């Protein structure tokens, strides 16, 4: 019986680390979203009906741009 080797590349490590930090930022933004808007964008904050559920569409954006002709690199790298 052969053992499977796990190959870890530098790129794989960087992607895993980026994902870890990305996840932390998403949690912070979701938790403090209303406060963020109120502080930085008070006019927009006043116009939003917060009685309705806020739906974050970060995964939908990723799915949409995967099929874009330029790929995800230009958008996701900044």
Protein backbone atom coordinates (compact mmCIF):
# COMPACT_ATOMS: atom_id res chain seq x y z
CA UNK A 1 0.00 0.00 0.00
CA UNK A 2 1.51 3.33 -1.01
CA UNK A 3 1.32 6.48 1.00
CA UNK A 4 0.11 9.67 -0.61
CA UNK A 5 2.51 12.54 -0.49
CA UNK A 6 1.31 15.96 0.38
CA UNK A 7 3.05 18.57 -1.71
CA UNK A 8 2.97 22.09 -0.36
CA UNK A 9 4.15 24.85 -2.62
CA UNK A 10 5.02 28.38 -1.68
CA UNK A 11 1.97 29.55 -3.62
CA UNK A 12 -0.23 27.13 -1.67
CA UNK A 13 1.08 28.46 1.62
CA UNK A 14 0.52 32.05 0.54
CA UNK A 15 -3.02 31.28 -0.59
CA UNK A 16 -3.83 29.53 2.70
CA UNK A 17 -2.45 32.46 4.67
CA UNK A 18 -4.36 35.00 2.54
CA UNK A 19 -7.52 32.97 3.06
CA UNK A 20 -7.02 32.98 6.82
CA UNK A 21 -6.68 36.76 6.95
CA UNK A 22 -9.46 37.25 4.42
CA UNK A 23 -11.80 35.24 6.63
CA UNK A 24 -10.90 37.33 9.69
CA UNK A 25 -11.57 40.59 7.83
CA UNK A 26 -14.91 39.30 6.56
CA UNK A 27 -15.98 38.47 10.12
CA UNK A 28 -14.95 41.92 11.37
CA UNK A 29 -16.74 43.71 8.53
CA UNK A 30 -19.91 41.68 9.05
CA UNK A 31 -19.90 42.30 12.79
CA UNK A 32 -19.19 46.04 12.57
CA UNK A 33 -20.85 46.82 9.24
CA UNK A 34 -23.49 49.20 10.59
CA UNK A 35 -20.95 51.05 12.75
CA UNK A 36 -18.56 51.27 9.80
CA UNK A 37 -21.22 52.78 7.56
CA UNK A 38 -22.42 55.17 10.22
CA UNK A 39 -18.90 56.48 10.86
CA UNK A 40 -17.54 56.67 7.31
CA UNK A 41 -20.73 57.15 5.28
CA UNK A 42 -23.37 58.81 7.50
CA UNK A 43 -25.56 59.87 4.56
CA UNK A 44 -25.66 56.34 3.18
CA UNK A 45 -26.25 54.95 6.68
CA UNK A 46 -29.36 57.14 7.04
CA UNK A 47 -30.75 55.86 3.73
CA UNK A 48 -30.47 52.14 4.59
CA UNK A 49 -33.40 50.24 6.04
CA UNK A 50 -31.70 48.11 8.69
CA UNK A 51 -34.94 46.32 9.56
CA UNK A 52 -34.20 44.18 6.50
CA UNK A 53 -31.57 41.47 6.67
CA UNK A 54 -28.17 42.40 5.25
CA UNK A 55 -26.83 39.80 2.84
CA UNK A 56 -23.12 39.80 2.05
CA UNK A 57 -22.38 38.54 -1.47
CA UNK A 58 -18.63 37.96 -1.32
CA UNK A 59 -18.86 34.35 -2.55
CA UNK A 60 -21.15 35.31 -5.41
CA UNK A 61 -18.56 37.81 -6.61
CA UNK A 62 -15.86 35.13 -6.63
CA UNK A 63 -18.08 32.76 -8.61
CA UNK A 64 -18.94 35.45 -11.15
CA UNK A 65 -15.41 36.52 -11.89
CA UNK A 66 -14.03 32.99 -12.22
CA UNK A 67 -15.54 32.87 -15.68
CA UNK A 68 -14.37 36.36 -16.64
CA UNK A 69 -11.86 36.47 -19.52
CA UNK A 70 -9.21 38.13 -17.34
CA UNK A 71 -9.62 35.65 -14.46
CA UNK A 72 -9.57 36.52 -10.78
CA UNK A 73 -6.00 37.78 -10.41
CA UNK A 74 -6.44 41.50 -11.23
CA UNK A 75 -9.48 41.90 -8.98
CA UNK A 76 -8.46 39.69 -6.10
CA UNK A 77 -4.85 40.84 -5.81
CA UNK A 78 -5.44 44.41 -4.73
